[in-house]
């Protein structure tokens, strides 16, 4: 059991001692951009007793020594001490709330390094979510139940987060006839992202698919639409997006209901913060909730600018890049980096057999990142396939000769096909690898497109052993499921939802947890505040129903928080008997 607090007590008075150690940022790199790292408290000195104490547990701090403690003291929104139950008990006062963990494990709040929660979560209560559903039978029951809850004419739809390959009882595509037999009273649209979209007869009529002549509308021998949209190429992907665009979007009045329900669910599965895209139209709404004390999850946003589709478009956009304003928010909602896609012609697709961007497209991308480097700004860039890594790294190396990028906190995100030489080039440039293992639901289609190479997409072990700073995320909701313990399970077992082994390059459960917490704090530029349970850091933590470090690994995907705390507030609590309070 660690005794850092005991040593501190010999140097300071009891209550002053808890403030002797400030935030403990990861030692890998210090931030260069102003505001990067998160806004730490001006001082962590404390007067008065703790507000909350969690004691008699197994506190997995995920600090740089992976220390295991027994208890945590919290005052306001921050941790003030970590130590033994006896040590921390001295910080209690008459009004301190003490939570007896009864031996339960505690981990830092889990961070998703890249996802689309703010933009896609506004559909939460309307959309049929099939994340984690392991049988076709259950999915069908959910479709019928959803239809039964809707007014006539409303859509039954799912825009992603699942695939037929996750079903253990039947992995076939859905047909028009099958969907008609399940729901014939409402239009149905089920999007298996980047692969296929399935629709019933009512949806086919609304979408006018029988009159369309494009090859992505799949037809039977008689020429009749089968109810399958092939989204595997650029034209089909556009067609699938066009179809999904017909689904009514919520009004601003409905955004709060949907987004708040999403955040409650994310807290219930252990997610307390994320990086990713944040639409300008929604950011003010979430910031208002933060000011009112109603926001229970942190959003660290990317600033996006649509550029292209040619050199003229790049030239026109370059002056705007230097005007990006980052770190103008707070610890709840802030813009921390540019990203995700900077130049459309240089993008790639995870279900493409290989990268198709031209050298000319990479050169234009290089012009864009040069301006970002010149301005000294952080960057997160969509990078999936091996050819894209080579094209981007060549451009970054050129820019680095003029404007060094080592301390700018640049990340290449997704990273399915990164190779050993490319990781070495990334390390030499000081880049991070923000990994989102979308094979968690898309392992089947990865293997159909990429063959046995898919067993190394991503190559977790190679990335871990390279020594690069890397973190775990999802890229949810469209292209992945959202539950962080499912992501951890995948990184350790290589099993996609449903149990099929699709990855043979896993890492240890400890390394996976570090990637989903402390390393992700670096990726989202919040290492002064998040990622470990330590004095001075924000009190974002989870009390778990099972010990992540010791349970059989196949049970880890089913771990559930008993308590989720964000900023010292309990934002989710399971049955009151799960942990005793006094």
Protein backbone atom coordinates (compact mmCIF):
# COMPACT_ATOMS: atom_id res chain seq x y z
CA UNK A 1 0.00 0.00 0.00
CA UNK A 2 1.45 3.36 -0.93
CA UNK A 3 2.44 5.91 1.72
CA UNK A 4 2.97 9.13 -0.20
CA UNK A 5 0.36 10.90 1.93
CA UNK A 6 2.11 9.76 5.12
CA UNK A 7 5.37 11.26 3.88
CA UNK A 8 3.57 14.47 3.02
CA UNK A 9 2.12 14.69 6.52
CA UNK A 10 5.59 14.82 8.02
CA UNK A 11 6.27 18.00 6.07
CA UNK A 12 2.97 19.87 6.42
CA UNK A 13 0.11 20.33 8.79
CA UNK A 14 -2.68 17.81 8.21
CA UNK A 15 -5.05 19.82 6.07
CA UNK A 16 -2.34 21.80 4.36
CA UNK A 17 -0.62 18.58 3.43
CA UNK A 18 -3.29 17.53 0.99
CA UNK A 19 -2.41 20.54 -1.09
CA UNK A 20 1.34 20.03 -1.04
CA UNK A 21 1.28 18.07 -4.28
CA UNK A 22 -0.16 19.88 -7.28
CA UNK A 23 -1.41 18.19 -10.43
CA UNK A 24 0.91 15.44 -11.64
CA UNK A 25 1.01 15.66 -15.44
CA UNK A 26 2.34 12.76 -17.42
CA UNK A 27 6.05 13.17 -18.01
CA UNK A 28 5.99 12.21 -21.69
CA UNK A 29 5.73 15.73 -23.10
CA UNK A 30 4.89 19.19 -21.88
CA UNK A 31 2.29 21.19 -23.83
CA UNK A 32 3.44 23.94 -26.13
CA UNK A 33 0.18 25.56 -27.13
CA UNK A 34 -1.19 28.08 -24.66
CA UNK A 35 -3.88 26.44 -22.56
CA UNK A 36 -2.91 22.89 -23.52
CA UNK A 37 -2.86 20.38 -20.72
CA UNK A 38 -6.08 21.66 -19.20
CA UNK A 39 -6.62 24.50 -16.81
CA UNK A 40 -5.29 23.41 -13.42
CA UNK A 41 -6.39 25.10 -10.19
CA UNK A 42 -4.46 28.21 -9.19
CA UNK A 43 -3.72 26.43 -5.94
CA UNK A 44 -4.65 23.10 -4.46
CA UNK A 45 -4.16 24.21 -0.87
CA UNK A 46 -7.21 23.33 1.17
CA UNK A 47 -8.93 24.65 4.25
CA UNK A 48 -11.54 22.65 6.08
CA UNK A 49 -12.35 18.96 5.88
CA UNK A 50 -13.05 16.90 2.77
CA UNK A 51 -16.51 17.05 1.23
CA UNK A 52 -16.47 13.39 0.18
CA UNK A 53 -14.32 10.45 1.22
CA UNK A 54 -14.32 7.07 -0.52
CA UNK A 55 -12.66 4.50 1.72
CA UNK A 56 -12.02 0.80 2.26
CA UNK A 57 -11.63 0.01 -1.42
CA UNK A 58 -9.10 -0.79 -4.13
CA UNK A 59 -8.25 2.52 -5.76
CA UNK A 60 -6.50 1.89 -9.08
CA UNK A 61 -5.01 5.36 -9.50
CA UNK A 62 -3.43 4.81 -12.97
CA UNK A 63 -0.73 7.28 -11.97
CA UNK A 64 2.71 6.89 -13.54
CA UNK A 65 3.52 4.10 -11.04
CA UNK A 66 0.11 2.43 -11.36
CA UNK A 67 -0.29 2.86 -7.60
CA UNK A 68 -3.02 0.94 -5.77
CA UNK A 69 -4.51 2.81 -2.79
CA UNK A 70 -7.46 2.31 -0.43
CA UNK A 71 -9.15 5.69 -0.17
CA UNK A 72 -9.68 9.08 -1.81
CA UNK A 73 -10.58 12.47 -0.34
CA UNK A 74 -12.39 15.08 -2.45
CA UNK A 75 -13.10 18.74 -1.81
CA UNK A 76 -15.12 20.69 -4.32
CA UNK A 77 -14.38 19.32 -7.76
CA UNK A 78 -10.88 18.00 -7.10
CA UNK A 79 -9.08 15.18 -5.38
CA UNK A 80 -7.16 16.44 -2.36
CA UNK A 81 -5.58 13.20 -1.15
CA UNK A 82 -5.11 9.54 -2.00
CA UNK A 83 -3.89 7.02 0.55
CA UNK A 84 -4.85 4.37 3.07
CA UNK A 85 -8.26 4.27 4.67
CA UNK A 86 -6.72 5.29 8.02
CA UNK A 87 -4.84 8.23 6.52
CA UNK A 88 -7.76 9.59 4.57
CA UNK A 89 -10.14 9.23 7.55
CA UNK A 90 -8.22 12.04 9.26
CA UNK A 91 -9.53 14.46 6.62
CA UNK A 92 -13.18 13.88 7.54
CA UNK A 93 -15.31 16.48 9.26
CA UNK A 94 -18.85 16.58 10.63
CA UNK A 95 -20.36 17.25 7.21
CA UNK A 96 -18.13 14.94 5.16
CA UNK A 97 -19.98 12.33 3.14
CA UNK A 98 -18.17 9.03 3.55
CA UNK A 99 -18.74 6.25 1.04
CA UNK A 100 -17.68 2.80 2.24
CA UNK A 101 -16.52 1.01 -0.90
CA UNK A 102 -16.75 -2.40 0.78
CA UNK A 103 -13.67 -3.54 -1.12
CA UNK A 104 -14.88 -2.38 -4.53
CA UNK A 105 -12.44 -1.14 -7.17
CA UNK A 106 -12.19 2.49 -8.24
CA UNK A 107 -10.67 3.68 -11.52
CA UNK A 108 -10.34 7.12 -13.13
CA UNK A 109 -13.25 8.26 -15.27
CA UNK A 110 -12.79 6.82 -18.74
CA UNK A 111 -11.97 9.19 -21.59
CA UNK A 112 -12.85 8.57 -25.24
CA UNK A 113 -10.15 10.28 -27.28
CA UNK A 114 -12.32 10.79 -30.36
CA UNK A 115 -16.06 10.45 -30.89
CA UNK A 116 -19.06 12.33 -32.22
CA UNK A 117 -21.20 12.39 -29.12
CA UNK A 118 -22.37 15.99 -29.27
CA UNK A 119 -23.43 15.92 -32.91
CA UNK A 120 -24.97 12.46 -33.06
CA UNK A 121 -26.25 12.21 -29.49
CA UNK A 122 -29.00 14.73 -30.20
CA UNK A 123 -30.85 11.80 -31.82
CA UNK A 124 -30.52 9.59 -28.75
CA UNK A 125 -34.12 8.99 -27.65
CA UNK A 126 -35.37 8.82 -31.25
CA UNK A 127 -32.84 6.38 -32.64
CA UNK A 128 -32.86 2.60 -32.20
CA UNK A 129 -29.48 1.78 -30.65
CA UNK A 130 -28.20 -1.75 -31.33
CA UNK A 131 -24.79 -1.24 -29.70
CA UNK A 132 -23.69 -4.43 -27.96
CA UNK A 133 -26.73 -6.47 -29.02
CA UNK A 134 -25.43 -9.98 -29.68
CA UNK A 135 -28.37 -11.75 -31.35
CA UNK A 136 -30.50 -11.00 -34.36
CA UNK A 137 -33.51 -12.21 -32.37
CA UNK A 138 -33.04 -9.47 -29.78
CA UNK A 139 -32.47 -6.84 -32.48
CA UNK A 140 -35.75 -7.84 -34.15
CA UNK A 141 -37.59 -7.61 -30.83
CA UNK A 142 -36.16 -4.13 -30.32
CA UNK A 143 -37.29 -3.03 -33.79
CA UNK A 144 -40.83 -4.17 -33.11
CA UNK A 145 -40.87 -2.51 -29.70
CA UNK A 146 -39.57 0.74 -31.18
CA UNK A 147 -42.23 0.73 -33.88
CA UNK A 148 -44.88 0.11 -31.25
CA UNK A 149 -43.78 3.21 -29.34
CA UNK A 150 -43.98 5.55 -32.35
CA UNK A 151 -46.78 7.54 -33.90
CA UNK A 152 -47.86 6.51 -37.44
CA UNK A 153 -45.41 7.57 -40.14
CA UNK A 154 -42.41 7.95 -37.81
CA UNK A 155 -39.18 6.25 -38.84
CA UNK A 156 -37.65 3.26 -37.10
CA UNK A 157 -33.98 3.89 -37.72
CA UNK A 158 -30.45 3.19 -36.60
CA UNK A 159 -27.61 5.24 -38.07
CA UNK A 160 -24.76 3.08 -36.83
CA UNK A 161 -22.96 1.55 -33.87
CA UNK A 162 -23.68 -2.05 -34.92
CA UNK A 163 -23.21 -4.62 -37.67
CA UNK A 164 -24.88 -7.94 -38.58
CA UNK A 165 -21.50 -9.58 -37.95
CA UNK A 166 -22.01 -9.09 -34.20
CA UNK A 167 -25.05 -11.39 -34.15
CA UNK A 168 -24.22 -14.86 -32.90
CA UNK A 169 -27.37 -16.48 -34.31
CA UNK A 170 -27.53 -15.05 -37.86
CA UNK A 171 -25.01 -12.73 -39.54
CA UNK A 172 -26.86 -12.23 -42.85
CA UNK A 173 -27.75 -8.83 -44.25
CA UNK A 174 -31.33 -7.73 -43.66
CA UNK A 175 -33.59 -7.99 -46.73
CA UNK A 176 -36.61 -5.95 -47.71
CA UNK A 177 -38.86 -8.94 -47.07
CA UNK A 178 -37.45 -9.62 -43.63
CA UNK A 179 -37.79 -6.00 -42.55
CA UNK A 180 -41.35 -5.92 -43.91
CA UNK A 181 -42.15 -8.97 -41.79
CA UNK A 182 -40.74 -7.25 -38.72
CA UNK A 183 -42.26 -3.78 -39.21
CA UNK A 184 -44.71 -2.95 -41.99
CA UNK A 185 -46.41 0.00 -40.30
CA UNK A 186 -43.44 2.40 -40.34
CA UNK A 187 -40.51 3.13 -42.64
CA UNK A 188 -37.38 1.30 -41.44
CA UNK A 189 -33.74 2.26 -42.11
CA UNK A 190 -30.81 0.40 -40.55
CA UNK A 191 -27.33 1.70 -41.40
CA UNK A 192 -24.42 -0.73 -41.20
CA UNK A 193 -21.86 1.98 -41.54
CA UNK A 194 -19.58 2.16 -44.57
CA UNK A 195 -20.92 -1.18 -45.77
CA UNK A 196 -24.68 -1.44 -46.28
CA UNK A 197 -27.96 0.24 -45.41
CA UNK A 198 -31.14 -1.85 -45.08
CA UNK A 199 -34.63 -0.48 -45.73
CA UNK A 200 -38.15 -1.89 -45.84
CA UNK A 201 -40.83 -1.30 -48.50
CA UNK A 202 -42.23 1.82 -46.86
CA UNK A 203 -38.76 3.37 -46.78
CA UNK A 204 -38.08 2.32 -50.39
CA UNK A 205 -41.23 4.15 -51.47
CA UNK A 206 -40.34 7.32 -49.54
CA UNK A 207 -36.76 7.27 -50.83
CA UNK A 208 -37.85 6.53 -54.41
CA UNK A 209 -35.34 3.72 -54.72
CA UNK A 210 -37.33 1.81 -57.35
CA UNK A 211 -36.86 4.76 -59.71
CA UNK A 212 -33.15 5.17 -59.03
CA UNK A 213 -30.69 3.75 -61.54
CA UNK A 214 -27.44 3.93 -59.56
CA UNK A 215 -25.64 0.62 -59.01
CA UNK A 216 -25.60 1.08 -55.25
CA UNK A 217 -29.32 0.28 -55.21
CA UNK A 218 -29.17 -3.50 -55.06
CA UNK A 219 -31.79 -5.35 -57.15
CA UNK A 220 -32.97 -8.92 -57.57
CA UNK A 221 -33.13 -10.82 -60.86
CA UNK A 222 -36.42 -9.12 -61.74
CA UNK A 223 -34.96 -5.65 -61.20
CA UNK A 224 -36.82 -5.02 -57.95
CA UNK A 225 -34.99 -3.28 -55.10
CA UNK A 226 -33.81 -5.76 -52.47
CA UNK A 227 -33.83 -3.12 -49.76
CA UNK A 228 -30.03 -3.03 -49.61
CA UNK A 229 -27.95 0.07 -50.36
CA UNK A 230 -24.33 -0.84 -51.06
CA UNK A 231 -22.30 1.85 -49.28
CA UNK A 232 -18.87 0.31 -49.81
CA UNK A 233 -17.62 2.80 -52.43
CA UNK A 234 -17.72 6.59 -52.66
CA UNK A 235 -20.93 6.75 -54.70
CA UNK A 236 -22.70 4.21 -52.50
CA UNK A 237 -21.56 5.98 -49.34
CA UNK A 238 -23.06 9.20 -50.70
CA UNK A 239 -26.26 7.32 -51.52
CA UNK A 240 -26.47 5.89 -48.01
CA UNK A 241 -25.95 9.35 -46.54
CA UNK A 242 -28.66 10.71 -48.82
CA UNK A 243 -31.05 8.04 -47.56
CA UNK A 244 -30.19 8.70 -43.93
CA UNK A 245 -30.74 12.40 -44.54
CA UNK A 246 -34.45 11.78 -45.04
CA UNK A 247 -34.82 10.76 -41.40
CA UNK A 248 -36.27 13.80 -39.59
CA UNK A 249 -33.82 15.61 -37.34
CA UNK A 250 -34.87 16.80 -33.88
CA UNK A 251 -35.87 20.37 -33.20
CA UNK A 252 -33.71 22.45 -30.88
CA UNK A 253 -36.36 21.89 -28.22
CA UNK A 254 -35.79 18.12 -28.56
CA UNK A 255 -32.00 18.42 -28.43
CA UNK A 256 -31.92 18.78 -24.65
CA UNK A 257 -34.08 15.71 -24.02
CA UNK A 258 -31.99 13.59 -26.37
CA UNK A 259 -28.57 14.84 -25.33
CA UNK A 260 -29.29 14.66 -21.62
CA UNK A 261 -30.51 11.07 -22.00
CA UNK A 262 -27.32 10.24 -23.91
CA UNK A 263 -25.12 11.75 -21.20
CA UNK A 264 -26.95 9.77 -18.51
CA UNK A 265 -26.26 6.59 -20.46
CA UNK A 266 -22.60 7.50 -21.01
CA UNK A 267 -22.19 8.15 -17.27
CA UNK A 268 -23.85 4.79 -16.57
CA UNK A 269 -21.27 2.96 -18.72
CA UNK A 270 -18.30 4.84 -17.26
CA UNK A 271 -17.57 7.61 -19.74
CA UNK A 272 -16.80 11.00 -18.20
CA UNK A 273 -14.98 12.91 -20.98
CA UNK A 274 -14.31 12.77 -24.71
CA UNK A 275 -12.56 14.49 -27.56
CA UNK A 276 -14.04 14.90 -31.01
CA UNK A 277 -16.21 17.05 -33.19
CA UNK A 278 -18.67 19.54 -31.69
CA UNK A 279 -21.05 21.34 -34.08
CA UNK A 280 -21.13 25.10 -33.61
CA UNK A 281 -24.92 25.05 -33.32
CA UNK A 282 -24.82 22.82 -30.25
CA UNK A 283 -21.74 24.12 -28.38
CA UNK A 284 -23.60 27.13 -26.83
CA UNK A 285 -26.33 24.81 -25.56
CA UNK A 286 -23.86 22.50 -23.81
CA UNK A 287 -21.94 25.47 -22.40
CA UNK A 288 -25.15 26.84 -20.94
CA UNK A 289 -25.81 23.52 -19.22
CA UNK A 290 -22.28 23.67 -17.79
CA UNK A 291 -22.88 27.16 -16.40
CA UNK A 292 -26.10 25.91 -14.81
CA UNK A 293 -24.32 22.92 -13.26
CA UNK A 294 -26.34 20.46 -15.35
CA UNK A 295 -23.62 19.08 -17.64
CA UNK A 296 -22.26 15.77 -16.37
CA UNK A 297 -19.74 14.90 -19.08
CA UNK A 298 -16.78 16.85 -20.50
CA UNK A 299 -16.41 17.66 -24.19
CA UNK A 300 -13.02 18.62 -25.67
CA UNK A 301 -13.75 19.71 -29.19
CA UNK A 302 -11.98 19.87 -32.54
CA UNK A 303 -12.27 23.01 -34.64
CA UNK A 304 -13.27 21.99 -38.15
CA UNK A 305 -12.99 23.94 -41.37
CA UNK A 306 -14.16 22.53 -44.69
CA UNK A 307 -11.38 23.09 -47.22
CA UNK A 308 -11.18 22.21 -50.88
CA UNK A 309 -11.80 20.55 -53.14
CA UNK A 310 -8.71 21.87 -54.96
CA UNK A 311 -5.67 24.10 -54.69
CA UNK A 312 -7.78 27.21 -55.20
CA UNK A 313 -9.98 26.24 -52.26
CA UNK A 314 -6.93 25.66 -50.09
CA UNK A 315 -5.47 29.06 -51.01
CA UNK A 316 -8.74 30.72 -50.09
CA UNK A 317 -8.92 28.95 -46.72
CA UNK A 318 -5.32 29.38 -45.53
CA UNK A 319 -5.76 32.85 -43.95
CA UNK A 320 -8.60 31.51 -41.77
CA UNK A 321 -6.44 28.80 -40.17
CA UNK A 322 -4.31 31.22 -38.17
CA UNK A 323 -7.47 32.70 -36.65
CA UNK A 324 -8.61 29.53 -34.92
CA UNK A 325 -9.35 30.27 -31.26
CA UNK A 326 -8.56 27.42 -28.90
CA UNK A 327 -8.75 27.08 -25.11
CA UNK A 328 -11.44 29.75 -24.76
CA UNK A 329 -13.78 27.49 -22.80
CA UNK A 330 -13.56 25.71 -19.46
CA UNK A 331 -13.10 22.22 -18.02
CA UNK A 332 -16.53 21.17 -19.34
CA UNK A 333 -16.60 22.37 -22.95
CA UNK A 334 -13.53 23.63 -24.77
CA UNK A 335 -11.95 23.66 -28.21
CA UNK A 336 -8.52 22.08 -27.99
CA UNK A 337 -7.28 21.23 -31.50
CA UNK A 338 -7.95 21.50 -35.20
CA UNK A 339 -9.40 18.46 -36.97
CA UNK A 340 -10.61 15.91 -37.98
CA UNK A 341 -10.58 16.03 -41.79
CA UNK A 342 -8.60 18.94 -43.17
CA UNK A 343 -8.82 18.28 -46.92
CA UNK A 344 -11.36 15.93 -48.47
CA UNK A 345 -9.30 14.63 -51.44
CA UNK A 346 -6.63 13.36 -49.01
CA UNK A 347 -9.07 11.39 -46.85
CA UNK A 348 -9.36 7.62 -46.79
CA UNK A 349 -11.99 5.03 -45.91
CA UNK A 350 -11.53 2.17 -43.49
CA UNK A 351 -13.33 -0.24 -45.83
CA UNK A 352 -11.30 0.71 -48.91
CA UNK A 353 -8.75 -1.86 -50.01
CA UNK A 354 -6.07 0.83 -50.17
CA UNK A 355 -5.59 4.58 -49.98
CA UNK A 356 -6.54 6.38 -53.19
CA UNK A 357 -5.38 9.95 -52.50
CA UNK A 358 -2.96 11.34 -55.08
CA UNK A 359 0.40 12.95 -54.43
CA UNK A 360 -1.16 16.26 -55.43
CA UNK A 361 -3.83 15.84 -52.74
CA UNK A 362 -1.19 15.17 -50.09
CA UNK A 363 0.70 18.31 -51.18
CA UNK A 364 -2.43 20.42 -50.70
CA UNK A 365 -2.94 18.80 -47.30
CA UNK A 366 0.65 19.75 -46.52
CA UNK A 367 -0.10 23.41 -47.29
CA UNK A 368 -2.91 23.33 -44.74
CA UNK A 369 -0.91 21.74 -41.93
CA UNK A 370 1.96 24.16 -42.59
CA UNK A 371 -0.32 27.03 -41.60
CA UNK A 372 -1.45 25.12 -38.52
CA UNK A 373 2.17 24.49 -37.51
CA UNK A 374 3.08 28.10 -38.22
CA UNK A 375 0.31 29.20 -35.86
CA UNK A 376 1.54 26.74 -33.20
CA UNK A 377 -1.78 24.92 -32.95
CA UNK A 378 -2.58 21.32 -31.96
CA UNK A 379 -4.00 19.03 -34.65
CA UNK A 380 -5.93 15.74 -34.83
CA UNK A 381 -5.97 14.20 -38.29
CA UNK A 382 -8.04 11.29 -39.66
CA UNK A 383 -5.53 8.65 -40.78
CA UNK A 384 -6.57 5.05 -41.37
CA UNK A 385 -4.74 3.25 -44.20
CA UNK A 386 -1.03 2.60 -44.68
CA UNK A 387 -0.80 4.72 -47.82
CA UNK A 388 -2.38 7.68 -46.07
CA UNK A 389 0.13 7.42 -43.23
CA UNK A 390 3.00 7.60 -45.72
CA UNK A 391 1.48 10.57 -47.55
CA UNK A 392 0.75 12.52 -44.37
CA UNK A 393 4.04 11.76 -42.64
CA UNK A 394 6.00 12.90 -45.68
CA UNK A 395 4.19 16.22 -45.56
CA UNK A 396 4.60 16.58 -41.79
CA UNK A 397 8.33 15.89 -42.10
CA UNK A 398 8.60 18.66 -44.68
CA UNK A 399 6.67 21.11 -42.51
CA UNK A 400 8.73 20.13 -39.48
CA UNK A 401 11.90 21.42 -41.17
CA UNK A 402 10.43 24.91 -41.21
CA UNK A 403 8.07 24.87 -38.21
CA UNK A 404 8.93 22.15 -35.67
CA UNK A 405 5.85 20.21 -34.61
CA UNK A 406 7.28 18.15 -31.74
CA UNK A 407 5.58 20.12 -28.98
CA UNK A 408 2.39 21.03 -30.82
CA UNK A 409 0.51 17.95 -29.62
CA UNK A 410 -0.40 16.54 -33.02
CA UNK A 411 -2.24 13.21 -33.19
CA UNK A 412 -2.96 10.89 -36.07
CA UNK A 413 -6.30 9.32 -35.26
CA UNK A 414 -7.91 5.93 -36.06
CA UNK A 415 -4.60 4.22 -36.95
CA UNK A 416 -5.86 0.85 -38.22
CA UNK A 417 -2.95 0.21 -40.61
CA UNK A 418 -0.03 2.04 -39.03
CA UNK A 419 3.24 0.13 -39.50
CA UNK A 420 6.45 -0.11 -37.45
CA UNK A 421 8.43 2.29 -39.71
CA UNK A 422 5.55 4.76 -39.61
CA UNK A 423 5.35 4.60 -35.82
CA UNK A 424 9.08 5.35 -35.67
CA UNK A 425 8.58 8.38 -37.93
CA UNK A 426 5.68 9.51 -35.72
CA UNK A 427 7.82 9.17 -32.59
CA UNK A 428 10.62 11.18 -34.18
CA UNK A 429 8.11 13.97 -34.85
CA UNK A 430 6.58 13.83 -31.37
CA UNK A 431 3.18 12.73 -32.67
CA UNK A 432 0.58 10.78 -30.71
CA UNK A 433 -1.49 7.80 -31.90
CA UNK A 434 -5.19 8.16 -31.02
CA UNK A 435 -6.54 4.67 -31.74
CA UNK A 436 -10.23 3.93 -32.24
CA UNK A 437 -10.61 0.17 -32.85
CA UNK A 438 -13.66 0.22 -35.07
CA UNK A 439 -13.23 -3.49 -35.68
CA UNK A 440 -15.04 -3.84 -32.35
CA UNK A 441 -18.18 -3.91 -34.52
CA UNK A 442 -16.68 -3.90 -38.04
CA UNK A 443 -14.28 -6.82 -37.70
CA UNK A 444 -16.29 -8.87 -40.18
CA UNK A 445 -16.19 -6.32 -42.98
CA UNK A 446 -12.53 -5.58 -42.26
CA UNK A 447 -11.71 -9.24 -42.88
CA UNK A 448 -13.79 -9.33 -46.06
CA UNK A 449 -11.94 -6.29 -47.43
CA UNK A 450 -8.43 -6.69 -46.01
CA UNK A 451 -8.09 -10.44 -45.52
CA UNK A 452 -5.72 -11.69 -42.83
CA UNK A 453 -4.19 -8.24 -42.43
CA UNK A 454 -7.37 -7.39 -40.53
CA UNK A 455 -6.04 -9.50 -37.65
CA UNK A 456 -3.59 -6.61 -37.12
CA UNK A 457 -6.02 -3.72 -37.59
CA UNK A 458 -5.02 -2.09 -35.37
CA UNK A 459 -1.82 -3.70 -34.18
CA UNK A 460 -2.20 -2.85 -30.49
CA UNK A 461 0.92 -4.74 -29.46
CA UNK A 462 3.10 -3.03 -32.05
CA UNK A 463 1.79 0.38 -31.04
CA UNK A 464 2.29 -0.33 -27.33
CA UNK A 465 5.80 -1.71 -27.80
CA UNK A 466 6.83 1.22 -30.00
CA UNK A 467 6.83 3.53 -26.99
CA UNK A 468 4.64 6.13 -28.68
CA UNK A 469 2.01 7.95 -26.63
CA UNK A 470 -1.26 6.30 -27.60
CA UNK A 471 -4.82 6.25 -26.36
CA UNK A 472 -8.09 4.37 -26.89
CA UNK A 473 -11.36 5.72 -28.21
CA UNK A 474 -14.32 4.66 -30.34
CA UNK A 475 -15.20 7.18 -33.10
CA UNK A 476 -18.80 6.49 -32.02
CA UNK A 477 -21.70 6.61 -32.71
CA UNK A 478 -21.84 5.87 -36.41
CA UNK A 479 -18.84 3.62 -36.96
CA UNK A 480 -18.52 2.02 -33.54
CA UNK A 481 -20.27 1.15 -30.32
CA UNK A 482 -19.79 3.55 -27.40
CA UNK A 483 -19.22 1.47 -24.25
CA UNK A 484 -15.65 1.95 -22.93
CA UNK A 485 -15.46 -1.40 -21.15
CA UNK A 486 -16.31 -3.09 -24.45
CA UNK A 487 -13.42 -1.17 -26.03
CA UNK A 488 -11.07 -2.28 -23.25
CA UNK A 489 -12.24 -5.89 -23.68
CA UNK A 490 -11.58 -5.74 -27.42
CA UNK A 491 -8.07 -4.33 -26.92
CA UNK A 492 -7.22 -7.19 -24.54
CA UNK A 493 -9.01 -10.12 -26.23
CA UNK A 494 -9.30 -9.15 -29.91
CA UNK A 495 -12.96 -10.18 -29.83
CA UNK A 496 -15.57 -8.07 -31.58
CA UNK A 497 -19.09 -7.71 -30.18
CA UNK A 498 -20.58 -11.21 -30.29
CA UNK A 499 -17.28 -12.91 -29.42
CA UNK A 500 -15.60 -13.58 -32.78
CA UNK A 501 -11.80 -13.13 -32.64
CA UNK A 502 -10.93 -10.55 -35.30
CA UNK A 503 -7.67 -9.17 -33.87
CA UNK A 504 -4.62 -11.20 -32.85
CA UNK A 505 -2.44 -8.38 -31.53
CA UNK A 506 -3.90 -7.48 -28.12
CA UNK A 507 -2.29 -5.76 -25.14
CA UNK A 508 -2.49 -6.31 -21.39
CA UNK A 509 -5.49 -5.09 -19.45
CA UNK A 510 -3.24 -2.65 -17.56
CA UNK A 511 -1.90 -1.10 -20.77
CA UNK A 512 -5.43 -0.85 -22.17
CA UNK A 513 -6.65 0.95 -19.04
CA UNK A 514 -3.72 3.38 -19.17
CA UNK A 515 -4.56 4.08 -22.81
CA UNK A 516 -8.22 4.80 -21.96
CA UNK A 517 -7.34 7.14 -19.07
CA UNK A 518 -3.92 8.69 -18.48
CA UNK A 519 -2.70 8.58 -22.08
CA UNK A 520 -6.04 9.85 -23.37
CA UNK A 521 -5.71 12.84 -21.07
CA UNK A 522 -2.61 13.71 -23.07
CA UNK A 523 -4.37 13.17 -26.38
CA UNK A 524 -7.21 15.55 -25.45
CA UNK A 525 -4.73 18.00 -23.88
CA UNK A 526 -6.05 17.61 -20.34
CA UNK A 527 -3.25 15.81 -18.49
CA UNK A 528 -3.15 18.44 -15.72
CA UNK A 529 -6.77 17.67 -14.90
CA UNK A 530 -7.71 14.15 -15.94
CA UNK A 531 -6.50 10.61 -16.51
CA UNK A 532 -5.49 9.47 -13.03
CA UNK A 533 -6.67 9.70 -9.45
CA UNK A 534 -4.17 12.08 -7.89
CA UNK A 535 -4.07 15.12 -5.65
CA UNK A 536 -5.04 18.25 -7.54
CA UNK A 537 -6.76 16.50 -10.42
CA UNK A 538 -10.46 16.71 -11.13
CA UNK A 539 -12.44 14.10 -9.20
CA UNK A 540 -13.70 12.11 -12.19
CA UNK A 541 -13.83 8.47 -11.13
CA UNK A 542 -15.79 5.22 -11.24
CA UNK A 543 -16.67 2.76 -8.49
CA UNK A 544 -16.99 -0.61 -10.27
CA UNK A 545 -19.18 -3.64 -9.64
CA UNK A 546 -16.22 -5.93 -10.39
CA UNK A 547 -12.44 -5.64 -10.21
CA UNK A 548 -11.17 -4.86 -13.71
CA UNK A 549 -7.69 -6.14 -12.88
CA UNK A 550 -8.63 -9.60 -11.58
CA UNK A 551 -11.92 -10.83 -13.06
CA UNK A 552 -11.81 -13.28 -16.00
CA UNK A 553 -11.09 -11.05 -18.96
CA UNK A 554 -14.20 -12.11 -20.88
CA UNK A 555 -16.28 -10.64 -18.07
CA UNK A 556 -14.61 -7.25 -18.37
CA UNK A 557 -16.95 -6.07 -21.13
CA UNK A 558 -19.85 -6.45 -18.70
CA UNK A 559 -18.35 -4.29 -15.93
CA UNK A 560 -20.72 -1.58 -14.79
CA UNK A 561 -20.09 1.42 -12.58
CA UNK A 562 -21.84 1.41 -9.22
CA UNK A 563 -21.06 5.12 -8.89
CA UNK A 564 -19.81 7.59 -11.47
CA UNK A 565 -18.40 10.88 -10.23
CA UNK A 566 -17.56 13.88 -12.40
CA UNK A 567 -15.95 16.88 -10.74
CA UNK A 568 -16.68 15.46 -7.31
CA UNK A 569 -20.42 15.12 -8.00
CA UNK A 570 -22.18 11.77 -8.15
CA UNK A 571 -23.74 11.84 -11.62
CA UNK A 572 -24.76 8.19 -11.74
CA UNK A 573 -25.52 5.75 -8.94
CA UNK A 574 -26.79 2.20 -9.24
CA UNK A 575 -28.93 0.56 -6.57
CA UNK A 576 -28.40 2.33 -3.22
CA UNK A 577 -27.23 -0.93 -1.66
CA UNK A 578 -24.27 -1.13 -4.05
CA UNK A 579 -22.09 1.04 -1.80
CA UNK A 580 -22.92 2.20 1.69
CA UNK A 581 -22.93 5.88 2.58
CA UNK A 582 -22.87 7.69 5.85
